[in-house]
Each structure stands twice: as structure tokens, then as C-alpha cells.
Amino acid sequence: GGSLRLSCVASEYIYSRKCMGWFRQAPGKEREGVATIYTDSGT
């Protein structure tokens, strides 16, 4: 029921970047996509 806020900082500008995302992986499970955001549109 609680909340957390994760942050991710890139060390430099990433050329031709399309989107950034968050993925997660629990023990014994495949890594899964959680959320993504398109760099240009914000979608």
C-alpha cells in the first residue's frame, strides 16, 4: 500500500533515443517491461 519513487539519470545525451523504460525481474522469473515513455512525444 506504500509508495516509492524511482529515478534514473543518464550520464550523457543518448543519440537517436526513442524511449526509456523501467523493467523488473523477480528471482526465478523473466525480466518484464513495467512502463515506458517515448522521448519525443511523452507517450
Full PDB file with SEQRES, HELIX, SHEET, SSBOND, CRYST1, ORIGX, SCALE, CONECT and MASTER records, all heavy atoms in Angstrom:
SEQRES   1 A   43  GLY GLY SER LEU ARG LEU SER CYS VAL ALA SER GLU TYR          
SEQRES   2 A   43  ILE TYR SER ARG LYS CYS MET GLY TRP PHE ARG GLN ALA          
SEQRES   3 A   43  PRO GLY LYS GLU ARG GLU GLY VAL ALA THR ILE TYR THR          
SEQRES   4 A   43  ASP SER GLY THR                                              
SHEET    1 AA1 2 CYS A  19  ARG A  24  0                                        
SHEET    2 AA1 2 GLU A  32  TYR A  38 -1                                        
CRYST1    1.000    1.000    1.000  90.00  90.00  90.00 P 1           1          
ORIGX1      1.000000  0.000000  0.000000        0.00000                         
ORIGX2      0.000000  1.000000  0.000000        0.00000                         
ORIGX3      0.000000  0.000000  1.000000        0.00000                         
SCALE1      1.000000  0.000000  0.000000        0.00000                         
SCALE2      0.000000  1.000000  0.000000        0.00000                         
SCALE3      0.000000  0.000000  1.000000        0.00000                         
ATOM      1  N   GLY A   1       0.796  -1.215   0.000  1.00  0.00           N  
ATOM      2  CA  GLY A   1       0.000   0.000   0.000  1.00  0.00           C  
ATOM      3  C   GLY A   1       0.829   1.264   0.000  1.00  0.00           C  
ATOM      4  O   GLY A   1       0.299   2.358  -0.235  1.00  0.00           O  
ATOM      5  N   GLY A   2       2.119   1.121   0.231  1.00  0.00           N  
ATOM      6  CA  GLY A   2       3.006   2.266   0.262  1.00  0.00           C  
ATOM      7  C   GLY A   2       3.437   2.702  -1.115  1.00  0.00           C  
ATOM      8  O   GLY A   2       3.023   2.141  -2.128  1.00  0.00           O  
ATOM      9  N   SER A   3       4.302   3.707  -1.143  1.00  0.00           N  
ATOM     10  CA  SER A   3       4.771   4.275  -2.402  1.00  0.00           C  
ATOM     11  C   SER A   3       6.277   4.432  -2.419  1.00  0.00           C  
ATOM     12  O   SER A   3       6.916   4.582  -1.377  1.00  0.00           O  
ATOM     13  CB  SER A   3       4.136   5.653  -2.638  1.00  0.00           C  
ATOM     14  OG  SER A   3       2.731   5.575  -2.742  1.00  0.00           O  
ATOM     15  N   LEU A   4       6.829   4.399  -3.609  1.00  0.00           N  
ATOM     16  CA  LEU A   4       8.233   4.671  -3.839  1.00  0.00           C  
ATOM     17  C   LEU A   4       8.360   5.433  -5.145  1.00  0.00           C  
ATOM     18  O   LEU A   4       7.538   5.270  -6.046  1.00  0.00           O  
ATOM     19  CB  LEU A   4       9.061   3.387  -3.932  1.00  0.00           C  
ATOM     20  CG  LEU A   4       9.394   2.632  -2.645  1.00  0.00           C  
ATOM     21  CD1 LEU A   4      10.076   1.310  -2.987  1.00  0.00           C  
ATOM     22  CD2 LEU A   4      10.287   3.471  -1.738  1.00  0.00           C  
ATOM     23  N   ARG A   5       9.393   6.228  -5.247  1.00  0.00           N  
ATOM     24  CA  ARG A   5       9.675   6.935  -6.484  1.00  0.00           C  
ATOM     25  C   ARG A   5      11.091   6.602  -6.931  1.00  0.00           C  
ATOM     26  O   ARG A   5      12.055   6.910  -6.231  1.00  0.00           O  
ATOM     27  CB  ARG A   5       9.537   8.446  -6.310  1.00  0.00           C  
ATOM     28  CG  ARG A   5       9.617   9.231  -7.621  1.00  0.00           C  
ATOM     29  CD  ARG A   5       9.741  10.714  -7.363  1.00  0.00           C  
ATOM     30  NE  ARG A   5       9.579  11.504  -8.567  1.00  0.00           N  
ATOM     31  CZ  ARG A   5      10.175  12.675  -8.785  1.00  0.00           C  
ATOM     32  NH1 ARG A   5      10.956  13.194  -7.854  1.00  0.00           N  
ATOM     33  NH2 ARG A   5       9.964  13.329  -9.916  1.00  0.00           N  
ATOM     34  N   LEU A   6      11.203   5.975  -8.077  1.00  0.00           N  
ATOM     35  CA  LEU A   6      12.489   5.624  -8.631  1.00  0.00           C  
ATOM     36  C   LEU A   6      12.955   6.700  -9.606  1.00  0.00           C  
ATOM     37  O   LEU A   6      12.150   7.302 -10.316  1.00  0.00           O  
ATOM     38  CB  LEU A   6      12.421   4.285  -9.369  1.00  0.00           C  
ATOM     39  CG  LEU A   6      11.864   3.088  -8.593  1.00  0.00           C  
ATOM     40  CD1 LEU A   6      11.949   1.832  -9.456  1.00  0.00           C  
ATOM     41  CD2 LEU A   6      12.597   2.898  -7.282  1.00  0.00           C  
ATOM     42  N   SER A   7      14.252   6.919  -9.638  1.00  0.00           N  
ATOM     43  CA  SER A   7      14.844   7.872 -10.562  1.00  0.00           C  
ATOM     44  C   SER A   7      15.947   7.193 -11.352  1.00  0.00           C  
ATOM     45  O   SER A   7      16.616   6.291 -10.854  1.00  0.00           O  
ATOM     46  CB  SER A   7      15.431   9.076  -9.809  1.00  0.00           C  
ATOM     47  OG  SER A   7      14.431   9.779  -9.107  1.00  0.00           O  
ATOM     48  N   CYS A   8      16.124   7.634 -12.575  1.00  0.00           N  
ATOM     49  CA  CYS A   8      17.186   7.112 -13.430  1.00  0.00           C  
ATOM     50  C   CYS A   8      17.810   8.278 -14.169  1.00  0.00           C  
ATOM     51  O   CYS A   8      17.116   9.012 -14.873  1.00  0.00           O  
ATOM     52  CB  CYS A   8      16.621   6.091 -14.424  1.00  0.00           C  
ATOM     53  SG  CYS A   8      17.777   5.569 -15.708  1.00  0.00           S  
ATOM     54  N   VAL A   9      19.104   8.426 -14.010  1.00  0.00           N  
ATOM     55  CA  VAL A   9      19.828   9.518 -14.649  1.00  0.00           C  
ATOM     56  C   VAL A   9      20.840   8.956 -15.640  1.00  0.00           C  
ATOM     57  O   VAL A   9      21.640   8.088 -15.284  1.00  0.00           O  
ATOM     58  CB  VAL A   9      20.557  10.390 -13.612  1.00  0.00           C  
ATOM     59  CG1 VAL A   9      21.296  11.527 -14.302  1.00  0.00           C  
ATOM     60  CG2 VAL A   9      19.572  10.952 -12.599  1.00  0.00           C  
ATOM     61  N   ALA A  10      20.796   9.446 -16.858  1.00  0.00           N  
ATOM     62  CA  ALA A  10      21.771   9.065 -17.869  1.00  0.00           C  
ATOM     63  C   ALA A  10      22.984   9.981 -17.766  1.00  0.00           C  
ATOM     64  O   ALA A  10      22.848  11.183 -17.545  1.00  0.00           O  
ATOM     65  CB  ALA A  10      21.168   9.151 -19.261  1.00  0.00           C  
ATOM     66  N   SER A  11      24.162   9.404 -17.926  1.00  0.00           N  
ATOM     67  CA  SER A  11      25.387  10.172 -17.777  1.00  0.00           C  
ATOM     68  C   SER A  11      25.594  11.196 -18.878  1.00  0.00           C  
ATOM     69  O   SER A  11      26.333  12.161 -18.690  1.00  0.00           O  
ATOM     70  CB  SER A  11      26.590   9.221 -17.725  1.00  0.00           C  
ATOM     71  OG  SER A  11      26.716   8.501 -18.935  1.00  0.00           O  
ATOM     72  N   GLU A  12      24.961  10.995 -20.016  1.00  0.00           N  
ATOM     73  CA  GLU A  12      25.103  11.897 -21.141  1.00  0.00           C  
ATOM     74  C   GLU A  12      23.922  11.751 -22.082  1.00  0.00           C  
ATOM     75  O   GLU A  12      23.122  10.821 -21.952  1.00  0.00           O  
ATOM     76  CB  GLU A  12      26.410  11.619 -21.893  1.00  0.00           C  
ATOM     77  CG  GLU A  12      26.501  10.218 -22.469  1.00  0.00           C  
ATOM     78  CD  GLU A  12      27.872   9.895 -23.010  1.00  0.00           C  
ATOM     79  OE1 GLU A  12      28.742   9.493 -22.218  1.00  0.00           O  
ATOM     80  OE2 GLU A  12      28.076  10.067 -24.232  1.00  0.00           O  
ATOM     81  N   TYR A  13      23.823  12.651 -23.035  1.00  0.00           N  
ATOM     82  CA  TYR A  13      22.767  12.592 -24.037  1.00  0.00           C  
ATOM     83  C   TYR A  13      22.898  11.318 -24.864  1.00  0.00           C  
ATOM     84  O   TYR A  13      23.983  10.960 -25.300  1.00  0.00           O  
ATOM     85  CB  TYR A  13      22.849  13.817 -24.947  1.00  0.00           C  
ATOM     86  CG  TYR A  13      21.861  13.820 -26.082  1.00  0.00           C  
ATOM     87  CD1 TYR A  13      20.535  14.164 -25.861  1.00  0.00           C  
ATOM     88  CD2 TYR A  13      22.260  13.489 -27.374  1.00  0.00           C  
ATOM     89  CE1 TYR A  13      19.620  14.174 -26.897  1.00  0.00           C  
ATOM     90  CE2 TYR A  13      21.349  13.499 -28.414  1.00  0.00           C  
ATOM     91  CZ  TYR A  13      20.037  13.845 -28.173  1.00  0.00           C  
ATOM     92  OH  TYR A  13      19.137  13.859 -29.216  1.00  0.00           O  
ATOM     93  N   ILE A  14      21.782  10.653 -25.063  1.00  0.00           N  
ATOM     94  CA  ILE A  14      21.761   9.429 -25.857  1.00  0.00           C  
ATOM     95  C   ILE A  14      21.227   9.762 -27.249  1.00  0.00           C  
ATOM     96  O   ILE A  14      20.054  10.111 -27.405  1.00  0.00           O  
ATOM     97  CB  ILE A  14      20.897   8.354 -25.191  1.00  0.00           C  
ATOM     98  CG1 ILE A  14      21.439   8.027 -23.795  1.00  0.00           C  
ATOM     99  CG2 ILE A  14      20.845   7.103 -26.058  1.00  0.00           C  
ATOM    100  CD1 ILE A  14      20.582   7.057 -23.007  1.00  0.00           C  
ATOM    101  N   TYR A  15      22.085   9.642 -28.253  1.00  0.00           N  
ATOM    102  CA  TYR A  15      21.690   9.970 -29.615  1.00  0.00           C  
ATOM    103  C   TYR A  15      20.655   8.991 -30.141  1.00  0.00           C  
ATOM    104  O   TYR A  15      20.707   7.792 -29.869  1.00  0.00           O  
ATOM    105  CB  TYR A  15      22.914   9.977 -30.533  1.00  0.00           C  
ATOM    106  CG  TYR A  15      23.834  11.140 -30.309  1.00  0.00           C  
ATOM    107  CD1 TYR A  15      24.952  11.028 -29.493  1.00  0.00           C  
ATOM    108  CD2 TYR A  15      23.581  12.371 -30.920  1.00  0.00           C  
ATOM    109  CE1 TYR A  15      25.793  12.104 -29.282  1.00  0.00           C  
ATOM    110  CE2 TYR A  15      24.417  13.453 -30.716  1.00  0.00           C  
ATOM    111  CZ  TYR A  15      25.521  13.318 -29.903  1.00  0.00           C  
ATOM    112  OH  TYR A  15      26.360  14.391 -29.693  1.00  0.00           O  
ATOM    113  N   SER A  16      19.717   9.525 -30.908  1.00  0.00           N  
ATOM    114  CA  SER A  16      18.661   8.737 -31.550  1.00  0.00           C  
ATOM    115  C   SER A  16      17.836   7.932 -30.549  1.00  0.00           C  
ATOM    116  O   SER A  16      17.331   6.863 -30.878  1.00  0.00           O  
ATOM    117  CB  SER A  16      19.276   7.800 -32.599  1.00  0.00           C  
ATOM    118  OG  SER A  16      19.973   8.528 -33.586  1.00  0.00           O  
ATOM    119  N   ARG A  17      17.698   8.446 -29.358  1.00  0.00           N  
ATOM    120  CA  ARG A  17      16.917   7.743 -28.346  1.00  0.00           C  
ATOM    121  C   ARG A  17      15.438   7.775 -28.699  1.00  0.00           C  
ATOM    122  O   ARG A  17      14.889   8.838 -29.004  1.00  0.00           O  
ATOM    123  CB  ARG A  17      17.139   8.363 -26.973  1.00  0.00           C  
ATOM    124  CG  ARG A  17      16.446   7.614 -25.839  1.00  0.00           C  
ATOM    125  CD  ARG A  17      16.799   8.236 -24.509  1.00  0.00           C  
ATOM    126  NE  ARG A  17      16.297   9.597 -24.399  1.00  0.00           N  
ATOM    127  CZ  ARG A  17      16.638  10.440 -23.424  1.00  0.00           C  
ATOM    128  NH1 ARG A  17      17.491  10.054 -22.487  1.00  0.00           N  
ATOM    129  NH2 ARG A  17      16.130  11.666 -23.405  1.00  0.00           N  
ATOM    130  N   LYS A  18      14.809   6.619 -28.637  1.00  0.00           N  
ATOM    131  CA  LYS A  18      13.402   6.521 -28.960  1.00  0.00           C  
ATOM    132  C   LYS A  18      12.541   6.555 -27.707  1.00  0.00           C  
ATOM    133  O   LYS A  18      11.527   7.245 -27.658  1.00  0.00           O  
ATOM    134  CB  LYS A  18      13.114   5.250 -29.758  1.00  0.00           C  
ATOM    135  CG  LYS A  18      11.710   5.185 -30.300  1.00  0.00           C  
ATOM    136  CD  LYS A  18      11.601   4.135 -31.380  1.00  0.00           C  
ATOM    137  CE  LYS A  18      10.255   4.203 -32.069  1.00  0.00           C  
ATOM    138  NZ  LYS A  18      10.199   3.272 -33.229  1.00  0.00           N  
ATOM    139  N   CYS A  19      12.956   5.802 -26.705  1.00  0.00           N  
ATOM    140  CA  CYS A  19      12.201   5.795 -25.465  1.00  0.00           C  
ATOM    141  C   CYS A  19      13.065   5.296 -24.319  1.00  0.00           C  
ATOM    142  O   CYS A  19      14.134   4.725 -24.521  1.00  0.00           O  
ATOM    143  CB  CYS A  19      10.943   4.938 -25.594  1.00  0.00           C  
ATOM    144  SG  CYS A  19      11.244   3.172 -25.736  1.00  0.00           S  
ATOM    145  N   MET A  20      12.568   5.523 -23.125  1.00  0.00           N  
ATOM    146  CA  MET A  20      13.191   4.980 -21.929  1.00  0.00           C  
ATOM    147  C   MET A  20      12.135   4.209 -21.171  1.00  0.00           C  
ATOM    148  O   MET A  20      10.945   4.505 -21.279  1.00  0.00           O  
ATOM    149  CB  MET A  20      13.788   6.079 -21.061  1.00  0.00           C  
ATOM    150  CG  MET A  20      14.939   6.801 -21.730  1.00  0.00           C  
ATOM    151  SD  MET A  20      15.824   7.929 -20.624  1.00  0.00           S  
ATOM    152  CE  MET A  20      16.665   6.755 -19.554  1.00  0.00           C  
ATOM    153  N   GLY A  21      12.588   3.234 -20.432  1.00  0.00           N  
ATOM    154  CA  GLY A  21      11.622   2.409 -19.729  1.00  0.00           C  
ATOM    155  C   GLY A  21      12.142   1.825 -18.445  1.00  0.00           C  
ATOM    156  O   GLY A  21      13.342   1.888 -18.140  1.00  0.00           O  
ATOM    157  N   TRP A  22      11.208   1.289 -17.698  1.00  0.00           N  
ATOM    158  CA  TRP A  22      11.511   0.572 -16.469  1.00  0.00           C  
ATOM    159  C   TRP A  22      11.115  -0.885 -16.632  1.00  0.00           C  
ATOM    160  O   TRP A  22      10.018  -1.196 -17.115  1.00  0.00           O  
ATOM    161  CB  TRP A  22      10.771   1.179 -15.279  1.00  0.00           C  
ATOM    162  CG  TRP A  22      11.291   2.513 -14.860  1.00  0.00           C  
ATOM    163  CD1 TRP A  22      10.838   3.743 -15.235  1.00  0.00           C  
ATOM    164  CD2 TRP A  22      12.392   2.758 -13.968  1.00  0.00           C  
ATOM    165  NE1 TRP A  22      11.572   4.735 -14.642  1.00  0.00           N  
ATOM    166  CE2 TRP A  22      12.541   4.158 -13.855  1.00  0.00           C  
ATOM    167  CE3 TRP A  22      13.260   1.926 -13.259  1.00  0.00           C  
ATOM    168  CZ2 TRP A  22      13.519   4.746 -13.056  1.00  0.00           C  
ATOM    169  CZ3 TRP A  22      14.238   2.511 -12.469  1.00  0.00           C  
ATOM    170  CH2 TRP A  22      14.356   3.902 -12.374  1.00  0.00           C  
ATOM    171  N   PHE A  23      12.012  -1.749 -16.233  1.00  0.00           N  
ATOM    172  CA  PHE A  23      11.792  -3.185 -16.275  1.00  0.00           C  
ATOM    173  C   PHE A  23      12.060  -3.750 -14.892  1.00  0.00           C  
ATOM    174  O   PHE A  23      12.744  -3.132 -14.081  1.00  0.00           O  
ATOM    175  CB  PHE A  23      12.714  -3.846 -17.306  1.00  0.00           C  
ATOM    176  CG  PHE A  23      12.448  -3.409 -18.720  1.00  0.00           C  
ATOM    177  CD1 PHE A  23      12.875  -2.175 -19.174  1.00  0.00           C  
ATOM    178  CD2 PHE A  23      11.756  -4.237 -19.595  1.00  0.00           C  
ATOM    179  CE1 PHE A  23      12.626  -1.757 -20.477  1.00  0.00           C  
ATOM    180  CE2 PHE A  23      11.499  -3.840 -20.902  1.00  0.00           C  
ATOM    181  CZ  PHE A  23      11.932  -2.598 -21.336  1.00  0.00           C  
ATOM    182  N   ARG A  24      11.519  -4.914 -14.630  1.00  0.00           N  
ATOM    183  CA  ARG A  24      11.760  -5.535 -13.335  1.00  0.00           C  
ATOM    184  C   ARG A  24      11.934  -7.034 -13.489  1.00  0.00           C  
ATOM    185  O   ARG A  24      11.417  -7.647 -14.418  1.00  0.00           O  
ATOM    186  CB  ARG A  24      10.623  -5.234 -12.355  1.00  0.00           C  
ATOM    187  CG  ARG A  24       9.283  -5.862 -12.711  1.00  0.00           C  
ATOM    188  CD  ARG A  24       8.206  -5.367 -11.762  1.00  0.00           C  
ATOM    189  NE  ARG A  24       6.909  -5.969 -12.029  1.00  0.00           N  
ATOM    190  CZ  ARG A  24       5.791  -5.609 -11.432  1.00  0.00           C  
ATOM    191  NH1 ARG A  24       5.788  -4.640 -10.520  1.00  0.00           N  
ATOM    192  NH2 ARG A  24       4.649  -6.224 -11.739  1.00  0.00           N  
ATOM    193  N   GLN A  25      12.664  -7.598 -12.554  1.00  0.00           N  
ATOM    194  CA  GLN A  25      12.899  -9.032 -12.576  1.00  0.00           C  
ATOM    195  C   GLN A  25      12.916  -9.570 -11.154  1.00  0.00           C  
ATOM    196  O   GLN A  25      13.714  -9.138 -10.328  1.00  0.00           O  
ATOM    197  CB  GLN A  25      14.213  -9.356 -13.275  1.00  0.00           C  
ATOM    198  CG  GLN A  25      14.453 -10.834 -13.467  1.00  0.00           C  
ATOM    199  CD  GLN A  25      15.609 -11.115 -14.409  1.00  0.00           C  
ATOM    200  OE1 GLN A  25      16.486 -10.274 -14.598  1.00  0.00           O  
ATOM    201  NE2 GLN A  25      15.608 -12.284 -15.017  1.00  0.00           N  
ATOM    202  N   ALA A  26      12.024 -10.497 -10.895  1.00  0.00           N  
ATOM    203  CA  ALA A  26      11.973 -11.177  -9.615  1.00  0.00           C  
ATOM    204  C   ALA A  26      12.751 -12.479  -9.723  1.00  0.00           C  
ATOM    205  O   ALA A  26      12.912 -13.023 -10.824  1.00  0.00           O  
ATOM    206  CB  ALA A  26      10.528 -11.449  -9.214  1.00  0.00           C  
ATOM    207  N   PRO A  27      13.252 -13.007  -8.610  1.00  0.00           N  
ATOM    208  CA  PRO A  27      14.005 -14.260  -8.652  1.00  0.00           C  
ATOM    209  C   PRO A  27      13.225 -15.378  -9.330  1.00  0.00           C  
ATOM    210  O   PRO A  27      12.053 -15.600  -9.024  1.00  0.00           O  
ATOM    211  CB  PRO A  27      14.240 -14.576  -7.177  1.00  0.00           C  
ATOM    212  CG  PRO A  27      14.253 -13.235  -6.523  1.00  0.00           C  
ATOM    213  CD  PRO A  27      13.191 -12.453  -7.254  1.00  0.00           C  
ATOM    214  N   GLY A  28      13.864 -16.054 -10.275  1.00  0.00           N  
ATOM    215  CA  GLY A  28      13.235 -17.157 -10.967  1.00  0.00           C  
ATOM    216  C   GLY A  28      12.266 -16.773 -12.064  1.00  0.00           C  
ATOM    217  O   GLY A  28      11.647 -17.650 -12.669  1.00  0.00           O  
ATOM    218  N   LYS A  29      12.122 -15.491 -12.328  1.00  0.00           N  
ATOM    219  CA  LYS A  29      11.195 -15.031 -13.355  1.00  0.00           C  
ATOM    220  C   LYS A  29      11.930 -14.240 -14.433  1.00  0.00           C  
ATOM    221  O   LYS A  29      13.037 -13.754 -14.219  1.00  0.00           O  
ATOM    222  CB  LYS A  29      10.094 -14.163 -12.746  1.00  0.00           C  
ATOM    223  CG  LYS A  29       9.247 -14.860 -11.703  1.00  0.00           C  
ATOM    224  CD  LYS A  29       8.048 -14.024 -11.313  1.00  0.00           C  
ATOM    225  CE  LYS A  29       7.058 -13.897 -12.452  1.00  0.00           C  
ATOM    226  NZ  LYS A  29       5.842 -13.136 -12.051  1.00  0.00           N  
ATOM    227  N   GLU A  30      11.310 -14.142 -15.596  1.00  0.00           N  
ATOM    228  CA  GLU A  30      11.874 -13.370 -16.685  1.00  0.00           C  
ATOM    229  C   GLU A  30      11.751 -11.882 -16.403  1.00  0.00           C  
ATOM    230  O   GLU A  30      10.847 -11.436 -15.695  1.00  0.00           O  
ATOM    231  CB  GLU A  30      11.168 -13.695 -18.005  1.00  0.00           C  
ATOM    232  CG  GLU A  30      11.359 -15.114 -18.492  1.00  0.00           C  
ATOM    233  CD  GLU A  30      10.710 -15.346 -19.840  1.00  0.00           C  
ATOM    234  OE1 GLU A  30       9.958 -14.475 -20.306  1.00  0.00           O  
ATOM    235  OE2 GLU A  30      10.965 -16.407 -20.433  1.00  0.00           O  
ATOM    236  N   ARG A  31      12.664 -11.126 -16.985  1.00  0.00           N  
ATOM    237  CA  ARG A  31      12.577  -9.686 -16.866  1.00  0.00           C  
ATOM    238  C   ARG A  31      11.379  -9.196 -17.680  1.00  0.00           C  
ATOM    239  O   ARG A  31      11.178  -9.605 -18.829  1.00  0.00           O  
ATOM    240  CB  ARG A  31      13.862  -9.033 -17.372  1.00  0.00           C  
ATOM    241  CG  ARG A  31      13.938  -7.542 -17.123  1.00  0.00           C  
ATOM    242  CD  ARG A  31      15.322  -6.985 -17.453  1.00  0.00           C  
ATOM    243  NE  ARG A  31      16.356  -7.580 -16.623  1.00  0.00           N  
ATOM    244  CZ  ARG A  31      17.622  -7.186 -16.620  1.00  0.00           C  
ATOM    245  NH1 ARG A  31      18.009  -6.186 -17.399  1.00  0.00           N  
ATOM    246  NH2 ARG A  31      18.500  -7.795 -15.843  1.00  0.00           N  
ATOM    247  N   GLU A  32      10.584  -8.333 -17.088  1.00  0.00           N  
ATOM    248  CA  GLU A  32       9.389  -7.853 -17.750  1.00  0.00           C  
ATOM    249  C   GLU A  32       9.351  -6.330 -17.812  1.00  0.00           C  
ATOM    250  O   GLU A  32       9.851  -5.642 -16.928  1.00  0.00           O  
ATOM    251  CB  GLU A  32       8.135  -8.362 -17.027  1.00  0.00           C  
ATOM    252  CG  GLU A  32       7.997  -7.865 -15.603  1.00  0.00           C  
ATOM    253  CD  GLU A  32       6.687  -8.272 -14.953  1.00  0.00           C  
ATOM    254  OE1 GLU A  32       5.766  -8.701 -15.668  1.00  0.00           O  
ATOM    255  OE2 GLU A  32       6.584  -8.148 -13.715  1.00  0.00           O  
ATOM    256  N   GLY A  33       8.734  -5.841 -18.868  1.00  0.00           N  
ATOM    257  CA  GLY A  33       8.568  -4.414 -19.003  1.00  0.00           C  
ATOM    258  C   GLY A  33       7.495  -3.914 -18.058  1.00  0.00           C  
ATOM    259  O   GLY A  33       6.437  -4.532 -17.925  1.00  0.00           O  
ATOM    260  N   VAL A  34       7.751  -2.803 -17.410  1.00  0.00           N  
ATOM    261  CA  VAL A  34       6.827  -2.213 -16.459  1.00  0.00           C  
ATOM    262  C   VAL A  34       6.166  -0.971 -17.042  1.00  0.00           C  
ATOM    263  O   VAL A  34       4.940  -0.847 -17.062  1.00  0.00           O  
ATOM    264  CB  VAL A  34       7.533  -1.858 -15.140  1.00  0.00           C  
ATOM    265  CG1 VAL A  34       6.579  -1.143 -14.189  1.00  0.00           C  
ATOM    266  CG2 VAL A  34       8.100  -3.113 -14.492  1.00  0.00           C  
ATOM    267  N   ALA A  35       6.983  -0.048 -17.499  1.00  0.00           N  
ATOM    268  CA  ALA A  35       6.482   1.202 -18.053  1.00  0.00           C  
ATOM    269  C   ALA A  35       7.529   1.816 -18.955  1.00  0.00           C  
ATOM    270  O   ALA A  35       8.726   1.710 -18.681  1.00  0.00           O  
ATOM    271  CB  ALA A  35       6.115   2.182 -16.936  1.00  0.00           C  
ATOM    272  N   THR A  36       7.090   2.449 -20.025  1.00  0.00           N  
ATOM    273  CA  THR A  36       7.999   3.130 -20.933  1.00  0.00           C  
ATOM    274  C   THR A  36       7.427   4.482 -21.317  1.00  0.00           C  
ATOM    275  O   THR A  36       6.219   4.708 -21.237  1.00  0.00           O  
ATOM    276  CB  THR A  36       8.265   2.320 -22.213  1.00  0.00           C  
ATOM    277  OG1 THR A  36       7.037   2.177 -22.951  1.00  0.00           O  
ATOM    278  CG2 THR A  36       8.810   0.940 -21.884  1.00  0.00           C  
ATOM    279  N   ILE A  37       8.313   5.365 -21.747  1.00  0.00           N  
ATOM    280  CA  ILE A  37       7.889   6.683 -22.191  1.00  0.00           C  
ATOM    281  C   ILE A  37       8.697   7.076 -23.423  1.00  0.00           C  
ATOM    282  O   ILE A  37       9.928   6.978 -23.438  1.00  0.00           O  
ATOM    283  CB  ILE A  37       8.034   7.726 -21.055  1.00  0.00           C  
ATOM    284  CG1 ILE A  37       7.499   9.090 -21.509  1.00  0.00           C  
ATOM    285  CG2 ILE A  37       9.471   7.836 -20.565  1.00  0.00           C  
ATOM    286  CD1 ILE A  37       7.288  10.062 -20.348  1.00  0.00           C  
ATOM    287  N   TYR A  38       7.998   7.489 -24.477  1.00  0.00           N  
ATOM    288  CA  TYR A  38       8.659   7.908 -25.701  1.00  0.00           C  
ATOM    289  C   TYR A  38       9.288   9.281 -25.502  1.00  0.00           C  
ATOM    290  O   TYR A  38       8.640  10.214 -25.022  1.00  0.00           O  
ATOM    291  CB  TYR A  38       7.672   7.944 -26.863  1.00  0.00           C  
ATOM    292  CG  TYR A  38       7.345   6.583 -27.410  1.00  0.00           C  
ATOM    293  CD1 TYR A  38       6.418   5.761 -26.775  1.00  0.00           C  
ATOM    294  CD2 TYR A  38       7.970   6.102 -28.559  1.00  0.00           C  
ATOM    295  CE1 TYR A  38       6.129   4.498 -27.267  1.00  0.00           C  
ATOM    296  CE2 TYR A  38       7.684   4.846 -29.056  1.00  0.00           C  
ATOM    297  CZ  TYR A  38       6.765   4.049 -28.409  1.00  0.00           C  
ATOM    298  OH  TYR A  38       6.472   2.798 -28.912  1.00  0.00           O  
ATOM    299  N   THR A  39      10.542   9.383 -25.876  1.00  0.00           N  
ATOM    300  CA  THR A  39      11.324  10.581 -25.604  1.00  0.00           C  
ATOM    301  C   THR A  39      10.738  11.843 -26.223  1.00  0.00           C  
ATOM    302  O   THR A  39      10.638  12.876 -25.564  1.00  0.00           O  
ATOM    303  CB  THR A  39      12.762  10.399 -26.094  1.00  0.00           C  
ATOM    304  OG1 THR A  39      13.334   9.250 -25.457  1.00  0.00           O  
ATOM    305  CG2 THR A  39      13.610  11.622 -25.776  1.00  0.00           C  
ATOM    306  N   ASP A  40      10.339  11.774 -27.478  1.00  0.00           N  
ATOM    307  CA  ASP A  40       9.863  12.958 -28.183  1.00  0.00           C  
ATOM    308  C   ASP A  40       8.425  13.335 -27.848  1.00  0.00           C  
ATOM    309  O   ASP A  40       8.122  14.510 -27.625  1.00  0.00           O  
ATOM    310  CB  ASP A  40       9.994  12.767 -29.690  1.00  0.00           C  
ATOM    311  CG  ASP A  40      11.437  12.706 -30.145  1.00  0.00           C  
ATOM    312  OD1 ASP A  40      12.321  13.190 -29.424  1.00  0.00           O  
ATOM    313  OD2 ASP A  40      11.672  12.175 -31.250  1.00  0.00           O  
ATOM    314  N   SER A  41       7.558  12.365 -27.821  1.00  0.00           N  
ATOM    315  CA  SER A  41       6.137  12.648 -27.646  1.00  0.00           C  
ATOM    316  C   SER A  41       5.669  12.615 -26.197  1.00  0.00           C  
ATOM    317  O   SER A  41       4.657  13.228 -25.858  1.00  0.00           O  
ATOM    318  CB  SER A  41       5.303  11.657 -28.453  1.00  0.00           C  
ATOM    319  OG  SER A  41       5.409  10.351 -27.914  1.00  0.00           O  
ATOM    320  N   GLY A  42       6.373  11.885 -25.357  1.00  0.00           N  
ATOM    321  CA  GLY A  42       5.929  11.716 -23.984  1.00  0.00           C  
ATOM    322  C   GLY A  42       4.864  10.653 -23.825  1.00  0.00           C  
ATOM    323  O   GLY A  42       4.341  10.462 -22.719  1.00  0.00           O  
ATOM    324  N   THR A  43       4.535   9.971 -24.903  1.00  0.00           N  
ATOM    325  CA  THR A  43       3.556   8.894 -24.844  1.00  0.00           C  
ATOM    326  C   THR A  43       4.051   7.784 -23.924  1.00  0.00           C  
ATOM    327  O   THR A  43       5.220   7.419 -23.960  1.00  0.00           O  
ATOM    328  CB  THR A  43       3.300   8.328 -26.248  1.00  0.00           C  
ATOM    329  OG1 THR A  43       2.779   9.356 -27.087  1.00  0.00           O  
ATOM    330  CG2 THR A  43       2.305   7.172 -26.196  1.00  0.00           C  
TER     331      THR A  43                                                      
MASTER        0    0    0    0    2    0    0    6  330    1    0    4          
END                                                                             
